Structures are given as C-alpha cells and as structure tokens.
C-alpha cells in the first residue's frame, strides 16, 4: 500500500490533481508548515512542545488554511482571483498575509499575543 504524503490534506482541500499542481502543493505545504510553526514559537510555545500544546486537527487546519492561501496566490495577479460559479464567474481577493486565518485558529493555544 502506498504511503499518503503529508501534504495530502492540502492537496485535497485545493483539489489539485495535475502533476505540476501536486508538486506546487508540496512546496506550499512546506512553506505553510514553517510559517505556522514560527507563529506558534513566537507565541511562546517551544517548538518541541507544539504537538503536546496544540490539537493535531487544529494544527493541520492552520497549515491547510495557510497553504491554501499560498497555493491560490499563483493564480491571483494583483491579489485577485476568479472562480467559476454556476451563474458565471466570481472574483475573490487573496489575503496579503497567508497566516490570517491560521493565526486565528492557533491563537487560543498560545501563551503570548501577537504584535
């Protein structure tokens, strides 16, 4: 049985199926993991204690949200992307800070506030 890659939650969330997209998802997952980890450490939790401090589901959700923002940036020139809907197309702004939603998710677990 094939091993499931660690970035699979993000790949599934952004519905990436093409080989090039999956490679980009892996890069976004790695970047998001580093950004979320840095925010947690800056929030007063030692890197070695992250798994014991933050629920695994919350940590994964924060990484997926941050990774999703990073993934969608490549299709968002000037911070705006367009999605097809059943009644046409809809524009949406991609967050300037990919950590916006992730930061909210992890904030209750941190010892210090954000500046």
PDB file of N, CA and C in Angstrom:
ATOM      1  N   UNK A   1       0.843  -1.183   0.000  1.00  0.00           N
ATOM      2  CA  UNK A   1       0.000   0.000   0.000  1.00  0.00           C
ATOM      3  C   UNK A   1       0.884   1.242   0.000  1.00  0.00           C
ATOM      4  N   UNK A   2       0.548   2.206  -0.835  1.00  0.00           N
ATOM      5  CA  UNK A   2       1.332   3.429  -0.955  1.00  0.00           C
ATOM      6  C   UNK A   2       1.140   4.319   0.270  1.00  0.00           C
ATOM      7  N   UNK A   3       2.231   4.975   0.655  1.00  0.00           N
ATOM      8  CA  UNK A   3       2.171   5.889   1.792  1.00  0.00           C
ATOM      9  C   UNK A   3       1.513   7.203   1.354  1.00  0.00           C
ATOM     10  N   UNK A   4       0.646   7.740   2.198  1.00  0.00           N
ATOM     11  CA  UNK A   4      -0.034   9.005   1.906  1.00  0.00           C
ATOM     12  C   UNK A   4       0.931  10.143   2.227  1.00  0.00           C
ATOM     13  N   UNK A   5       1.163  11.046   1.270  1.00  0.00           N
ATOM     14  CA  UNK A   5       2.069  12.173   1.549  1.00  0.00           C
ATOM     15  C   UNK A   5       1.500  13.089   2.624  1.00  0.00           C
ATOM     16  N   UNK A   6       2.387  13.727   3.382  1.00  0.00           N
ATOM     17  CA  UNK A   6       1.936  14.597   4.466  1.00  0.00           C
ATOM     18  C   UNK A   6       1.124  15.778   3.959  1.00  0.00           C
ATOM     19  N   UNK A   7       1.344  16.187   2.713  1.00  0.00           N
ATOM     20  CA  UNK A   7       0.627  17.333   2.155  1.00  0.00           C
ATOM     21  C   UNK A   7      -0.747  16.965   1.604  1.00  0.00           C
ATOM     22  N   UNK A   8      -1.172  15.732   1.738  1.00  0.00           N
ATOM     23  CA  UNK A   8      -2.454  15.275   1.181  1.00  0.00           C
ATOM     24  C   UNK A   8      -3.648  16.106   1.656  1.00  0.00           C
ATOM     25  N   UNK A   9      -3.726  16.529   2.928  1.00  0.00           N
ATOM     26  CA  UNK A   9      -4.874  17.363   3.328  1.00  0.00           C
ATOM     27  C   UNK A   9      -4.973  18.652   2.512  1.00  0.00           C
ATOM     28  N   UNK A  10      -3.844  19.271   2.204  1.00  0.00           N
ATOM     29  CA  UNK A  10      -3.846  20.486   1.397  1.00  0.00           C
ATOM     30  C   UNK A  10      -4.186  20.163  -0.044  1.00  0.00           C
ATOM     31  N   UNK A  11      -3.613  19.109  -0.596  1.00  0.00           N
ATOM     32  CA  UNK A  11      -3.901  18.722  -1.978  1.00  0.00           C
ATOM     33  C   UNK A  11      -5.384  18.485  -2.170  1.00  0.00           C
ATOM     34  N   UNK A  12      -5.989  17.807  -1.231  1.00  0.00           N
ATOM     35  CA  UNK A  12      -7.421  17.530  -1.289  1.00  0.00           C
ATOM     36  C   UNK A  12      -8.235  18.815  -1.147  1.00  0.00           C
ATOM     37  N   UNK A  13      -7.834  19.692  -0.234  1.00  0.00           N
ATOM     38  CA  UNK A  13      -8.563  20.937   0.033  1.00  0.00           C
ATOM     39  C   UNK A  13      -8.599  21.849  -1.185  1.00  0.00           C
ATOM     40  N   UNK A  14      -7.468  21.954  -1.891  1.00  0.00           N
ATOM     41  CA  UNK A  14      -7.407  22.831  -3.065  1.00  0.00           C
ATOM     42  C   UNK A  14      -7.754  22.083  -4.346  1.00  0.00           C
ATOM     43  N   UNK A  15      -8.031  20.790  -4.230  1.00  0.00           N
ATOM     44  CA  UNK A  15      -8.431  19.945  -5.356  1.00  0.00           C
ATOM     45  C   UNK A  15      -7.382  19.944  -6.466  1.00  0.00           C
ATOM     46  N   UNK A  16      -6.128  19.774  -6.086  1.00  0.00           N
ATOM     47  CA  UNK A  16      -5.030  19.716  -7.052  1.00  0.00           C
ATOM     48  C   UNK A  16      -4.888  18.282  -7.561  1.00  0.00           C
ATOM     49  N   UNK A  17      -4.978  18.111  -8.874  1.00  0.00           N
ATOM     50  CA  UNK A  17      -4.881  16.772  -9.445  1.00  0.00           C
ATOM     51  C   UNK A  17      -3.764  16.631 -10.471  1.00  0.00           C
ATOM     52  N   UNK A  18      -3.406  17.719 -11.124  1.00  0.00           N
ATOM     53  CA  UNK A  18      -2.345  17.678 -12.131  1.00  0.00           C
ATOM     54  C   UNK A  18      -0.987  17.514 -11.434  1.00  0.00           C
ATOM     55  N   UNK A  19      -0.065  16.835 -12.101  1.00  0.00           N
ATOM     56  CA  UNK A  19       1.257  16.588 -11.522  1.00  0.00           C
ATOM     57  C   UNK A  19       1.951  17.883 -11.111  1.00  0.00           C
ATOM     58  N   UNK A  20       1.921  18.890 -11.970  1.00  0.00           N
ATOM     59  CA  UNK A  20       2.553  20.177 -11.646  1.00  0.00           C
ATOM     60  C   UNK A  20       1.878  20.822 -10.441  1.00  0.00           C
ATOM     61  N   UNK A  21       0.573  20.696 -10.343  1.00  0.00           N
ATOM     62  CA  UNK A  21      -0.147  21.265  -9.199  1.00  0.00           C
ATOM     63  C   UNK A  21       0.243  20.562  -7.908  1.00  0.00           C
ATOM     64  N   UNK A  22       0.370  19.240  -7.966  1.00  0.00           N
ATOM     65  CA  UNK A  22       0.717  18.470  -6.773  1.00  0.00           C
ATOM     66  C   UNK A  22       2.117  18.843  -6.298  1.00  0.00           C
ATOM     67  N   UNK A  23       3.044  19.047  -7.212  1.00  0.00           N
ATOM     68  CA  UNK A  23       4.393  19.476  -6.833  1.00  0.00           C
ATOM     69  C   UNK A  23       4.343  20.842  -6.160  1.00  0.00           C
ATOM     70  N   UNK A  24       3.512  21.731  -6.679  1.00  0.00           N
ATOM     71  CA  UNK A  24       3.367  23.068  -6.082  1.00  0.00           C
ATOM     72  C   UNK A  24       2.705  22.971  -4.712  1.00  0.00           C
ATOM     73  N   UNK A  25       1.739  22.068  -4.559  1.00  0.00           N
ATOM     74  CA  UNK A  25       1.093  21.843  -3.260  1.00  0.00           C
ATOM     75  C   UNK A  25       2.129  21.425  -2.222  1.00  0.00           C
ATOM     76  N   UNK A  26       3.044  20.558  -2.605  1.00  0.00           N
ATOM     77  CA  UNK A  26       4.083  20.111  -1.670  1.00  0.00           C
ATOM     78  C   UNK A  26       4.931  21.292  -1.199  1.00  0.00           C
ATOM     79  N   UNK A  27       5.260  22.213  -2.111  1.00  0.00           N
ATOM     80  CA  UNK A  27       6.018  23.405  -1.737  1.00  0.00           C
ATOM     81  C   UNK A  27       5.202  24.305  -0.814  1.00  0.00           C
ATOM     82  N   UNK A  28       3.927  24.484  -1.138  1.00  0.00           N
ATOM     83  CA  UNK A  28       3.051  25.318  -0.294  1.00  0.00           C
ATOM     84  C   UNK A  28       2.906  24.718   1.094  1.00  0.00           C
ATOM     85  N   UNK A  29       2.791  23.388   1.178  1.00  0.00           N
ATOM     86  CA  UNK A  29       2.680  22.705   2.475  1.00  0.00           C
ATOM     87  C   UNK A  29       3.934  22.973   3.308  1.00  0.00           C
ATOM     88  N   UNK A  30       5.103  22.853   2.692  1.00  0.00           N
ATOM     89  CA  UNK A  30       6.350  23.078   3.419  1.00  0.00           C
ATOM     90  C   UNK A  30       6.442  24.521   3.916  1.00  0.00           C
ATOM     91  N   UNK A  31       6.091  25.478   3.055  1.00  0.00           N
ATOM     92  CA  UNK A  31       6.121  26.891   3.459  1.00  0.00           C
ATOM     93  C   UNK A  31       5.111  27.156   4.571  1.00  0.00           C
ATOM     94  N   UNK A  32       3.912  26.626   4.421  1.00  0.00           N
ATOM     95  CA  UNK A  32       2.866  26.846   5.424  1.00  0.00           C
ATOM     96  C   UNK A  32       3.263  26.241   6.764  1.00  0.00           C
ATOM     97  N   UNK A  33       3.868  25.077   6.735  1.00  0.00           N
ATOM     98  CA  UNK A  33       4.307  24.432   7.974  1.00  0.00           C
ATOM     99  C   UNK A  33       5.326  25.312   8.696  1.00  0.00           C
ATOM    100  N   UNK A  34       6.250  25.886   7.934  1.00  0.00           N
ATOM    101  CA  UNK A  34       7.254  26.768   8.540  1.00  0.00           C
ATOM    102  C   UNK A  34       6.616  28.041   9.090  1.00  0.00           C
ATOM    103  N   UNK A  35       5.683  28.627   8.355  1.00  0.00           N
ATOM    104  CA  UNK A  35       5.028  29.853   8.819  1.00  0.00           C
ATOM    105  C   UNK A  35       4.208  29.617  10.082  1.00  0.00           C
ATOM    106  N   UNK A  36       3.444  28.537  10.102  1.00  0.00           N
ATOM    107  CA  UNK A  36       2.621  28.229  11.274  1.00  0.00           C
ATOM    108  C   UNK A  36       3.510  27.904  12.475  1.00  0.00           C
ATOM    109  N   UNK A  37       4.551  27.128  12.247  1.00  0.00           N
ATOM    110  CA  UNK A  37       5.477  26.787  13.332  1.00  0.00           C
ATOM    111  C   UNK A  37       6.112  28.047  13.907  1.00  0.00           C
ATOM    112  N   UNK A  38       6.554  28.951  13.028  1.00  0.00           N
ATOM    113  CA  UNK A  38       7.167  30.199  13.500  1.00  0.00           C
ATOM    114  C   UNK A  38       6.176  31.015  14.329  1.00  0.00           C
ATOM    115  N   UNK A  39       4.922  31.089  13.890  1.00  0.00           N
ATOM    116  CA  UNK A  39       3.913  31.854  14.633  1.00  0.00           C
ATOM    117  C   UNK A  39       3.671  31.240  16.011  1.00  0.00           C
ATOM    118  N   UNK A  40       3.682  29.937  16.069  1.00  0.00           N
ATOM    119  CA  UNK A  40       3.463  29.260  17.357  1.00  0.00           C
ATOM    120  C   UNK A  40       4.637  29.513  18.299  1.00  0.00           C
ATOM    121  N   UNK A  41       5.844  29.398  17.780  1.00  0.00           N
ATOM    122  CA  UNK A  41       7.039  29.642  18.597  1.00  0.00           C
ATOM    123  C   UNK A  41       7.079  31.097  19.058  1.00  0.00           C
ATOM    124  N   UNK A  42       6.752  32.027  18.161  1.00  0.00           N
ATOM    125  CA  UNK A  42       6.705  33.439  18.544  1.00  0.00           C
ATOM    126  C   UNK A  42       5.598  33.700  19.565  1.00  0.00           C
ATOM    127  N   UNK A  43       4.599  32.818  19.600  1.00  0.00           N
ATOM    128  CA  UNK A  43       3.509  32.937  20.562  1.00  0.00           C
ATOM    129  C   UNK A  43       3.834  32.336  21.915  1.00  0.00           C
ATOM    130  N   UNK A  44       5.071  31.877  22.086  1.00  0.00           N
ATOM    131  CA  UNK A  44       5.501  31.419  23.402  1.00  0.00           C
ATOM    132  C   UNK A  44       5.511  29.925  23.615  1.00  0.00           C
ATOM    133  N   UNK A  45       5.316  29.142  22.574  1.00  0.00           N
ATOM    134  CA  UNK A  45       5.337  27.683  22.704  1.00  0.00           C
ATOM    135  C   UNK A  45       6.636  27.172  22.100  1.00  0.00           C
ATOM    136  N   UNK A  46       7.383  26.396  22.861  1.00  0.00           N
ATOM    137  CA  UNK A  46       8.626  25.824  22.348  1.00  0.00           C
ATOM    138  C   UNK A  46       8.314  24.867  21.201  1.00  0.00           C
ATOM    139  N   UNK A  47       9.161  24.883  20.183  1.00  0.00           N
ATOM    140  CA  UNK A  47       8.920  24.028  19.012  1.00  0.00           C
ATOM    141  C   UNK A  47       8.760  22.558  19.412  1.00  0.00           C
ATOM    142  N   UNK A  48       9.519  22.114  20.391  1.00  0.00           N
ATOM    143  CA  UNK A  48       9.431  20.728  20.844  1.00  0.00           C
ATOM    144  C   UNK A  48       8.098  20.420  21.522  1.00  0.00           C
ATOM    145  N   UNK A  49       7.378  21.447  21.969  1.00  0.00           N
ATOM    146  CA  UNK A  49       6.118  21.256  22.692  1.00  0.00           C
ATOM    147  C   UNK A  49       4.875  21.472  21.833  1.00  0.00           C
ATOM    148  N   UNK A  50       5.042  21.770  20.554  1.00  0.00           N
ATOM    149  CA  UNK A  50       3.893  22.087  19.704  1.00  0.00           C
ATOM    150  C   UNK A  50       2.891  20.944  19.671  1.00  0.00           C
ATOM    151  N   UNK A  51       3.342  19.731  19.464  1.00  0.00           N
ATOM    152  CA  UNK A  51       2.428  18.579  19.360  1.00  0.00           C
ATOM    153  C   UNK A  51       1.669  18.343  20.662  1.00  0.00           C
ATOM    154  N   UNK A  52       2.283  18.680  21.804  1.00  0.00           N
ATOM    155  CA  UNK A  52       1.624  18.494  23.094  1.00  0.00           C
ATOM    156  C   UNK A  52       0.714  19.664  23.465  1.00  0.00           C
ATOM    157  N   UNK A  53       0.885  20.810  22.809  1.00  0.00           N
ATOM    158  CA  UNK A  53       0.158  22.022  23.161  1.00  0.00           C
ATOM    159  C   UNK A  53      -1.055  22.268  22.269  1.00  0.00           C
ATOM    160  N   UNK A  54      -0.930  21.972  20.993  1.00  0.00           N
ATOM    161  CA  UNK A  54      -1.985  22.285  20.027  1.00  0.00           C
ATOM    162  C   UNK A  54      -2.582  20.990  19.482  1.00  0.00           C
ATOM    163  N   UNK A  55      -3.918  20.907  19.501  1.00  0.00           N
ATOM    164  CA  UNK A  55      -4.596  19.730  18.963  1.00  0.00           C
ATOM    165  C   UNK A  55      -4.141  19.478  17.532  1.00  0.00           C
ATOM    166  N   UNK A  56      -3.929  18.227  17.188  1.00  0.00           N
ATOM    167  CA  UNK A  56      -3.446  17.861  15.856  1.00  0.00           C
ATOM    168  C   UNK A  56      -4.381  18.359  14.752  1.00  0.00           C
ATOM    169  N   UNK A  57      -5.685  18.297  14.991  1.00  0.00           N
ATOM    170  CA  UNK A  57      -6.651  18.748  13.986  1.00  0.00           C
ATOM    171  C   UNK A  57      -6.567  20.253  13.768  1.00  0.00           C
ATOM    172  N   UNK A  58      -6.360  20.993  14.851  1.00  0.00           N
ATOM    173  CA  UNK A  58      -6.246  22.446  14.750  1.00  0.00           C
ATOM    174  C   UNK A  58      -4.946  22.813  14.039  1.00  0.00           C
ATOM    175  N   UNK A  59      -3.867  22.151  14.391  1.00  0.00           N
ATOM    176  CA  UNK A  59      -2.580  22.418  13.750  1.00  0.00           C
ATOM    177  C   UNK A  59      -2.653  22.120  12.256  1.00  0.00           C
ATOM    178  N   UNK A  60      -3.214  20.976  11.896  1.00  0.00           N
ATOM    179  CA  UNK A  60      -3.354  20.636  10.484  1.00  0.00           C
ATOM    180  C   UNK A  60      -4.249  21.645   9.766  1.00  0.00           C
ATOM    181  N   UNK A  61      -5.335  22.043  10.398  1.00  0.00           N
ATOM    182  CA  UNK A  61      -6.234  23.023   9.796  1.00  0.00           C
ATOM    183  C   UNK A  61      -5.549  24.348   9.550  1.00  0.00           C
ATOM    184  N   UNK A  62      -4.712  24.782  10.487  1.00  0.00           N
ATOM    185  CA  UNK A  62      -3.977  26.033  10.322  1.00  0.00           C
ATOM    186  C   UNK A  62      -2.995  25.929   9.160  1.00  0.00           C
ATOM    187  N   UNK A  63      -2.323  24.802   9.044  1.00  0.00           N
ATOM    188  CA  UNK A  63      -1.377  24.605   7.944  1.00  0.00           C
ATOM    189  C   UNK A  63      -2.118  24.540   6.610  1.00  0.00           C
ATOM    190  N   UNK A  64      -3.252  23.865   6.578  1.00  0.00           N
ATOM    191  CA  UNK A  64      -4.043  23.782   5.343  1.00  0.00           C
ATOM    192  C   UNK A  64      -4.543  25.164   4.936  1.00  0.00           C
ATOM    193  N   UNK A  65      -5.050  25.947   5.878  1.00  0.00           N
ATOM    194  CA  UNK A  65      -5.538  27.295   5.543  1.00  0.00           C
ATOM    195  C   UNK A  65      -4.415  28.178   5.018  1.00  0.00           C
ATOM    196  N   UNK A  66      -3.285  28.165   5.690  1.00  0.00           N
ATOM    197  CA  UNK A  66      -2.144  28.959   5.244  1.00  0.00           C
ATOM    198  C   UNK A  66      -1.659  28.456   3.877  1.00  0.00           C
ATOM    199  N   UNK A  67      -1.560  27.152   3.718  1.00  0.00           N
ATOM    200  CA  UNK A  67      -1.123  26.570   2.451  1.00  0.00           C
ATOM    201  C   UNK A  67      -2.076  26.882   1.313  1.00  0.00           C
ATOM    202  N   UNK A  68      -3.361  26.924   1.608  1.00  0.00           N
ATOM    203  CA  UNK A  68      -4.359  27.260   0.590  1.00  0.00           C
ATOM    204  C   UNK A  68      -4.163  28.682   0.092  1.00  0.00           C
ATOM    205  N   UNK A  69      -3.899  29.602   1.009  1.00  0.00           N
ATOM    206  CA  UNK A  69      -3.636  30.983   0.616  1.00  0.00           C
ATOM    207  C   UNK A  69      -2.395  31.062  -0.271  1.00  0.00           C
ATOM    208  N   UNK A  70      -1.349  30.341   0.102  1.00  0.00           N
ATOM    209  CA  UNK A  70      -0.125  30.334  -0.701  1.00  0.00           C
ATOM    210  C   UNK A  70      -0.385  29.712  -2.075  1.00  0.00           C
ATOM    211  N   UNK A  71      -1.150  28.637  -2.122  1.00  0.00           N
ATOM    212  CA  UNK A  71      -1.449  27.945  -3.372  1.00  0.00           C
ATOM    213  C   UNK A  71      -2.229  28.842  -4.333  1.00  0.00           C
ATOM    214  N   UNK A  72      -3.221  29.534  -3.826  1.00  0.00           N
ATOM    215  CA  UNK A  72      -4.088  30.341  -4.687  1.00  0.00           C
ATOM    216  C   UNK A  72      -3.441  31.653  -5.134  1.00  0.00           C
ATOM    217  N   UNK A  73      -2.351  32.036  -4.513  1.00  0.00           N
ATOM    218  CA  UNK A  73      -1.667  33.274  -4.907  1.00  0.00           C
ATOM    219  C   UNK A  73      -1.144  33.226  -6.338  1.00  0.00           C
ATOM    220  N   UNK A  74      -0.729  32.055  -6.801  1.00  0.00           N
ATOM    221  CA  UNK A  74      -0.130  31.997  -8.141  1.00  0.00           C
ATOM    222  C   UNK A  74      -1.148  32.299  -9.231  1.00  0.00           C
ATOM    223  N   UNK A  75      -2.427  32.128  -8.939  1.00  0.00           N
ATOM    224  CA  UNK A  75      -3.483  32.446  -9.897  1.00  0.00           C
ATOM    225  C   UNK A  75      -4.200  33.743  -9.539  1.00  0.00           C
ATOM    226  N   UNK A  76      -3.533  34.578  -8.763  1.00  0.00           N
ATOM    227  CA  UNK A  76      -4.168  35.812  -8.301  1.00  0.00           C
ATOM    228  C   UNK A  76      -3.283  37.020  -8.569  1.00  0.00           C
ATOM    229  N   UNK A  77      -3.177  37.415  -9.831  1.00  0.00           N
ATOM    230  CA  UNK A  77      -2.373  38.614 -10.103  1.00  0.00           C
ATOM    231  C   UNK A  77      -2.976  39.815  -9.380  1.00  0.00           C
ATOM    232  N   UNK A  78      -2.145  40.571  -8.771  1.00  0.00           N
ATOM    233  CA  UNK A  78      -2.563  41.759  -8.012  1.00  0.00           C
ATOM    234  C   UNK A  78      -3.490  41.406  -6.845  1.00  0.00           C
ATOM    235  N   UNK A  79      -3.433  40.146  -6.382  1.00  0.00           N
ATOM    236  CA  UNK A  79      -4.196  39.739  -5.216  1.00  0.00           C
ATOM    237  C   UNK A  79      -5.646  39.393  -5.461  1.00  0.00           C
ATOM    238  N   UNK A  80      -6.081  39.298  -6.727  1.00  0.00           N
ATOM    239  CA  UNK A  80      -7.470  38.971  -7.037  1.00  0.00           C
ATOM    240  C   UNK A  80      -7.500  37.734  -7.928  1.00  0.00           C
ATOM    241  N   UNK A  81      -8.350  36.795  -7.595  1.00  0.00           N
ATOM    242  CA  UNK A  81      -8.511  35.594  -8.398  1.00  0.00           C
ATOM    243  C   UNK A  81      -9.967  35.452  -8.808  1.00  0.00           C
ATOM    244  N   UNK A  82     -10.227  34.672  -9.820  1.00  0.00           N
ATOM    245  CA  UNK A  82     -11.586  34.476 -10.310  1.00  0.00           C
ATOM    246  C   UNK A  82     -11.939  32.996 -10.245  1.00  0.00           C
ATOM    247  N   UNK A  83     -13.123  32.701  -9.748  1.00  0.00           N
ATOM    248  CA  UNK A  83     -13.618  31.337  -9.658  1.00  0.00           C
ATOM    249  C   UNK A  83     -14.863  31.202 -10.519  1.00  0.00           C
ATOM    250  N   UNK A  84     -14.994  30.080 -11.207  1.00  0.00           N
ATOM    251  CA  UNK A  84     -16.206  29.819 -11.978  1.00  0.00           C
ATOM    252  C   UNK A  84     -17.308  29.376 -11.032  1.00  0.00           C
ATOM    253  N   UNK A  85     -18.500  29.907 -11.228  1.00  0.00           N
ATOM    254  CA  UNK A  85     -19.664  29.502 -10.449  1.00  0.00           C
ATOM    255  C   UNK A  85     -20.764  29.087 -11.414  1.00  0.00           C
ATOM    256  N   UNK A  86     -21.828  28.524 -10.916  1.00  0.00           N
ATOM    257  CA  UNK A  86     -22.913  28.061 -11.779  1.00  0.00           C
ATOM    258  C   UNK A  86     -23.589  29.199 -12.539  1.00  0.00           C
ATOM    259  N   UNK A  87     -23.502  30.409 -12.004  1.00  0.00           N
ATOM    260  CA  UNK A  87     -24.132  31.558 -12.669  1.00  0.00           C
ATOM    261  C   UNK A  87     -23.113  32.553 -13.241  1.00  0.00           C
ATOM    262  N   UNK A  88     -21.911  32.092 -13.497  1.00  0.00           N
ATOM    263  CA  UNK A  88     -20.897  32.963 -14.086  1.00  0.00           C
ATOM    264  C   UNK A  88     -19.582  32.843 -13.358  1.00  0.00           C
ATOM    265  N   UNK A  89     -18.893  33.951 -13.196  1.00  0.00           N
ATOM    266  CA  UNK A  89     -17.602  33.970 -12.513  1.00  0.00           C
ATOM    267  C   UNK A  89     -17.654  34.941 -11.348  1.00  0.00           C
ATOM    268  N   UNK A  90     -16.912  34.613 -10.306  1.00  0.00           N
ATOM    269  CA  UNK A  90     -16.859  35.443  -9.122  1.00  0.00           C
ATOM    270  C   UNK A  90     -15.403  35.767  -8.809  1.00  0.00           C
ATOM    271  N   UNK A  91     -15.118  37.006  -8.502  1.00  0.00           N
ATOM    272  CA  UNK A  91     -13.772  37.403  -8.110  1.00  0.00           C
ATOM    273  C   UNK A  91     -13.657  37.356  -6.592  1.00  0.00           C
ATOM    274  N   UNK A  92     -12.459  37.020  -6.140  1.00  0.00           N
ATOM    275  CA  UNK A  92     -12.201  36.988  -4.703  1.00  0.00           C
ATOM    276  C   UNK A  92     -10.787  37.482  -4.460  1.00  0.00           C
ATOM    277  N   UNK A  93     -10.602  38.180  -3.369  1.00  0.00           N
ATOM    278  CA  UNK A  93      -9.276  38.688  -3.007  1.00  0.00           C
ATOM    279  C   UNK A  93      -8.546  37.626  -2.187  1.00  0.00           C
ATOM    280  N   UNK A  94      -7.291  37.417  -2.523  1.00  0.00           N
ATOM    281  CA  UNK A  94      -6.438  36.517  -1.766  1.00  0.00           C
ATOM    282  C   UNK A  94      -5.776  37.348  -0.676  1.00  0.00           C
ATOM    283  N   UNK A  95      -5.701  36.816   0.522  1.00  0.00           N
ATOM    284  CA  UNK A  95      -5.148  37.560   1.655  1.00  0.00           C
ATOM    285  C   UNK A  95      -3.698  37.955   1.405  1.00  0.00           C
ATOM    286  N   UNK A  96      -3.342  39.169   1.769  1.00  0.00           N
ATOM    287  CA  UNK A  96      -1.956  39.629   1.655  1.00  0.00           C
ATOM    288  C   UNK A  96      -1.071  38.847   2.619  1.00  0.00           C
ATOM    289  N   UNK A  97      -1.623  38.489   3.755  1.00  0.00           N
ATOM    290  CA  UNK A  97      -0.907  37.698   4.761  1.00  0.00           C
ATOM    291  C   UNK A  97      -1.501  36.299   4.756  1.00  0.00           C
ATOM    292  N   UNK A  98      -0.764  35.276   4.323  1.00  0.00           N
ATOM    293  CA  UNK A  98      -1.322  33.929   4.259  1.00  0.00           C
ATOM    294  C   UNK A  98      -1.659  33.341   5.629  1.00  0.00           C
ATOM    295  N   UNK A  99      -1.204  33.996   6.698  1.00  0.00           N
ATOM    296  CA  UNK A  99      -1.434  33.487   8.047  1.00  0.00           C
ATOM    297  C   UNK A  99      -2.707  34.027   8.698  1.00  0.00           C
ATOM    298  N   UNK A 100      -3.503  34.812   7.988  1.00  0.00           N
ATOM    299  CA  UNK A 100      -4.662  35.469   8.602  1.00  0.00           C
ATOM    300  C   UNK A 100      -5.567  34.462   9.304  1.00  0.00           C
ATOM    301  N   UNK A 101      -6.068  33.484   8.601  1.00  0.00           N
ATOM    302  CA  UNK A 101      -6.989  32.510   9.219  1.00  0.00           C
ATOM    303  C   UNK A 101      -6.254  31.547  10.138  1.00  0.00           C
ATOM    304  N   UNK A 102      -5.047  31.160   9.767  1.00  0.00           N
ATOM    305  CA  UNK A 102      -4.275  30.229  10.590  1.00  0.00           C
ATOM    306  C   UNK A 102      -3.991  30.831  11.964  1.00  0.00           C
ATOM    307  N   UNK A 103      -3.656  32.100  11.981  1.00  0.00           N
ATOM    308  CA  UNK A 103      -3.341  32.782  13.241  1.00  0.00           C
ATOM    309  C   UNK A 103      -4.547  32.748  14.183  1.00  0.00           C
ATOM    310  N   UNK A 104      -5.729  32.931  13.651  1.00  0.00           N
ATOM    311  CA  UNK A 104      -6.948  32.885  14.464  1.00  0.00           C
ATOM    312  C   UNK A 104      -7.139  31.481  15.039  1.00  0.00           C
ATOM    313  N   UNK A 105      -6.885  30.477  14.229  1.00  0.00           N
ATOM    314  CA  UNK A 105      -7.083  29.093  14.665  1.00  0.00           C
ATOM    315  C   UNK A 105      -6.173  28.706  15.829  1.00  0.00           C
ATOM    316  N   UNK A 106      -4.942  29.180  15.809  1.00  0.00           N
ATOM    317  CA  UNK A 106      -3.981  28.768  16.841  1.00  0.00           C
ATOM    318  C   UNK A 106      -3.918  29.715  18.030  1.00  0.00           C
ATOM    319  N   UNK A 107      -4.558  30.854  17.946  1.00  0.00           N
ATOM    320  CA  UNK A 107      -4.396  31.895  18.967  1.00  0.00           C
ATOM    321  C   UNK A 107      -4.770  31.452  20.382  1.00  0.00           C
ATOM    322  N   UNK A 108      -5.763  30.620  20.534  1.00  0.00           N
ATOM    323  CA  UNK A 108      -6.173  30.190  21.877  1.00  0.00           C
ATOM    324  C   UNK A 108      -5.136  29.289  22.553  1.00  0.00           C
ATOM    325  N   UNK A 109      -4.216  28.749  21.785  1.00  0.00           N
ATOM    326  CA  UNK A 109      -3.218  27.824  22.329  1.00  0.00           C
ATOM    327  C   UNK A 109      -1.902  28.518  22.689  1.00  0.00           C
ATOM    328  N   UNK A 110      -1.791  29.787  22.345  1.00  0.00           N
ATOM    329  CA  UNK A 110      -0.536  30.484  22.523  1.00  0.00           C
ATOM    330  C   UNK A 110      -0.466  31.193  23.874  1.00  0.00           C
ATOM    331  N   UNK A 111       0.732  31.363  24.345  1.00  0.00           N
ATOM    332  CA  UNK A 111       0.968  31.982  25.652  1.00  0.00           C
ATOM    333  C   UNK A 111       1.044  33.495  25.536  1.00  0.00           C
ATOM    334  N   UNK A 112       1.567  33.995  24.431  1.00  0.00           N
ATOM    335  CA  UNK A 112       1.743  35.436  24.234  1.00  0.00           C
ATOM    336  C   UNK A 112       0.888  35.901  23.072  1.00  0.00           C
ATOM    337  N   UNK A 113       0.525  37.161  23.078  1.00  0.00           N
ATOM    338  CA  UNK A 113      -0.252  37.718  21.975  1.00  0.00           C
ATOM    339  C   UNK A 113       0.633  38.058  20.790  1.00  0.00           C
ATOM    340  N   UNK A 114      -0.003  38.407  19.711  1.00  0.00           N
ATOM    341  CA  UNK A 114       0.722  38.814  18.514  1.00  0.00           C
ATOM    342  C   UNK A 114       0.878  40.321  18.517  1.00  0.00           C
ATOM    343  N   UNK A 115       1.988  40.787  17.993  1.00  0.00           N
ATOM    344  CA  UNK A 115       2.223  42.222  17.910  1.00  0.00           C
ATOM    345  C   UNK A 115       1.573  42.787  16.681  1.00  0.00           C
TER     346      UNK A 115
END
